Amino acid sequence: MTNPFYKSKRWKRKRAAILRRDKYMCQESKRFGKSESAVTVHHIYPLEHYPELALKDWNLVSLSDKQHNAMHDRQSHELTELGKAWQARVREHFEREQGNSFSLSGLSK
């Protein structure tokens, strides 16, 4: 079952912007000097677990279908080692985001 978020105008606009940002090239393949077209925008920190990060540029990366399938198990949605490695690359952004959320929630009490 597909998350309705993926049909939203906000997601479609953001997806197009990320593909343009990455010049429609798979960023995982690019790391190894390969030129492969990107057709998917992947949530590094998964939408199902981190909906608040759904539209954050730093949490989105353009990938080919092959590389996207290598990021997580398509049945269980568990991240693979490759998916976890991408999380490690953006961990600084994630921690800053989580710190901001914590600080803001602390102010509202």
Protein backbone atom coordinates (compact mmCIF):
# COMPACT_ATOMS: atom_id res chain seq x y z
CA MET A 1 0.00 0.00 0.00
CA THR A 2 1.44 3.35 -1.02
CA ASN A 3 1.53 6.19 1.47
CA PRO A 4 -0.86 8.98 0.32
CA PHE A 5 1.98 11.46 0.95
CA TYR A 6 3.59 10.33 -2.33
CA LYS A 7 0.57 11.59 -4.27
CA SER A 8 0.63 15.05 -2.67
CA LYS A 9 1.54 18.19 -4.60
CA ARG A 10 4.15 19.07 -1.98
CA TRP A 11 5.94 15.75 -2.49
CA LYS A 12 5.75 15.94 -6.29
CA ARG A 13 7.26 19.44 -6.24
CA LYS A 14 9.98 18.44 -3.77
CA ARG A 15 10.78 15.24 -5.71
CA ALA A 16 11.21 17.25 -8.92
CA ALA A 17 13.43 19.79 -7.13
CA ILE A 18 15.68 17.05 -5.67
CA LEU A 19 16.05 15.34 -9.04
CA ARG A 20 17.02 18.71 -10.56
CA ARG A 21 19.44 19.39 -7.69
CA ASP A 22 21.14 16.06 -8.34
CA LYS A 23 21.05 16.60 -12.11
CA TYR A 24 18.90 13.46 -12.54
CA MET A 25 21.93 11.33 -11.66
CA CYS A 26 22.05 8.49 -9.14
CA GLN A 27 24.12 9.81 -6.26
CA GLU A 28 25.19 6.38 -5.04
CA SER A 29 26.52 5.39 -8.47
CA LYS A 30 28.17 8.80 -8.82
CA ARG A 31 30.23 8.11 -5.69
CA PHE A 32 31.97 5.35 -7.65
CA GLY A 33 32.43 7.34 -10.85
CA LYS A 34 29.49 5.72 -12.62
CA SER A 35 26.88 7.63 -14.55
CA GLU A 36 23.41 6.24 -13.97
CA SER A 37 20.08 8.01 -14.31
CA ALA A 38 18.06 8.65 -11.17
CA VAL A 39 14.36 7.92 -11.21
CA THR A 40 13.63 7.76 -7.48
CA VAL A 41 14.06 10.16 -4.59
CA HIS A 42 14.90 8.21 -1.46
CA HIS A 43 14.22 9.23 2.14
CA ILE A 44 17.49 8.52 3.96
CA TYR A 45 15.64 8.54 7.26
CA PRO A 46 12.47 6.67 6.23
CA LEU A 47 9.18 8.50 5.93
CA GLU A 48 7.41 5.79 7.92
CA HIS A 49 9.56 6.47 10.98
CA TYR A 50 10.41 10.16 10.52
CA PRO A 51 7.46 11.92 8.83
CA GLU A 52 8.76 15.27 10.14
CA LEU A 53 11.78 14.86 7.82
CA ALA A 54 9.72 14.06 4.72
CA LEU A 55 10.55 17.27 2.86
CA LYS A 56 14.02 18.11 4.22
CA ASP A 57 16.50 18.45 1.36
CA TRP A 58 19.33 16.85 3.36
CA ASN A 59 17.18 13.74 3.93
CA LEU A 60 16.51 13.19 0.23
CA VAL A 61 18.77 11.70 -2.41
CA SER A 62 18.25 10.80 -6.08
CA LEU A 63 18.85 7.15 -6.89
CA SER A 64 18.42 4.65 -9.68
CA ASP A 65 15.89 1.88 -9.04
CA LYS A 66 18.74 -0.59 -8.58
CA GLN A 67 20.45 1.55 -5.95
CA HIS A 68 17.16 2.41 -4.26
CA ASN A 69 16.39 -1.29 -3.88
CA ALA A 70 19.84 -1.73 -2.33
CA MET A 71 19.03 0.81 0.44
CA HIS A 72 16.39 -1.27 2.19
CA ASP A 73 14.64 -4.59 2.10
CA ARG A 74 11.51 -4.02 0.02
CA GLN A 75 9.45 -6.44 2.15
CA SER A 76 10.44 -5.55 5.71
CA HIS A 77 11.54 -1.95 4.98
CA GLU A 78 14.59 -2.60 7.18
CA LEU A 79 17.59 -0.55 6.11
CA THR A 80 20.54 -2.39 4.64
CA GLU A 81 24.12 -1.58 5.57
CA LEU A 82 24.18 0.75 2.55
CA GLY A 83 21.07 2.56 3.80
CA LYS A 84 22.64 2.90 7.24
CA ALA A 85 25.82 4.28 5.65
CA TRP A 86 23.77 7.05 4.01
CA GLN A 87 22.25 7.83 7.39
CA ALA A 88 25.73 8.14 8.84
CA ARG A 89 26.62 10.65 6.09
CA VAL A 90 23.79 12.98 7.09
CA ARG A 91 23.78 12.24 10.83
CA GLU A 92 24.94 15.78 11.66
CA HIS A 93 21.82 17.21 9.99
CA PHE A 94 19.64 14.61 11.72
CA GLU A 95 21.06 15.36 15.16
CA ARG A 96 20.70 19.10 14.62
CA GLU A 97 17.07 18.58 13.53
CA GLN A 98 16.32 16.35 16.51
CA GLY A 99 18.02 18.87 18.83
CA ASN A 100 15.86 21.65 17.42
CA SER A 101 12.73 19.54 17.89
CA PHE A 102 13.75 18.76 21.46
CA SER A 103 14.51 22.41 22.23
CA LEU A 104 11.25 23.59 20.74
CA SER A 105 9.20 20.95 22.55
CA GLY A 106 10.92 21.92 25.80
CA LEU A 107 9.89 25.56 25.30
CA SER A 108 6.23 24.71 24.88
CA LYS A 109 5.94 23.08 28.32
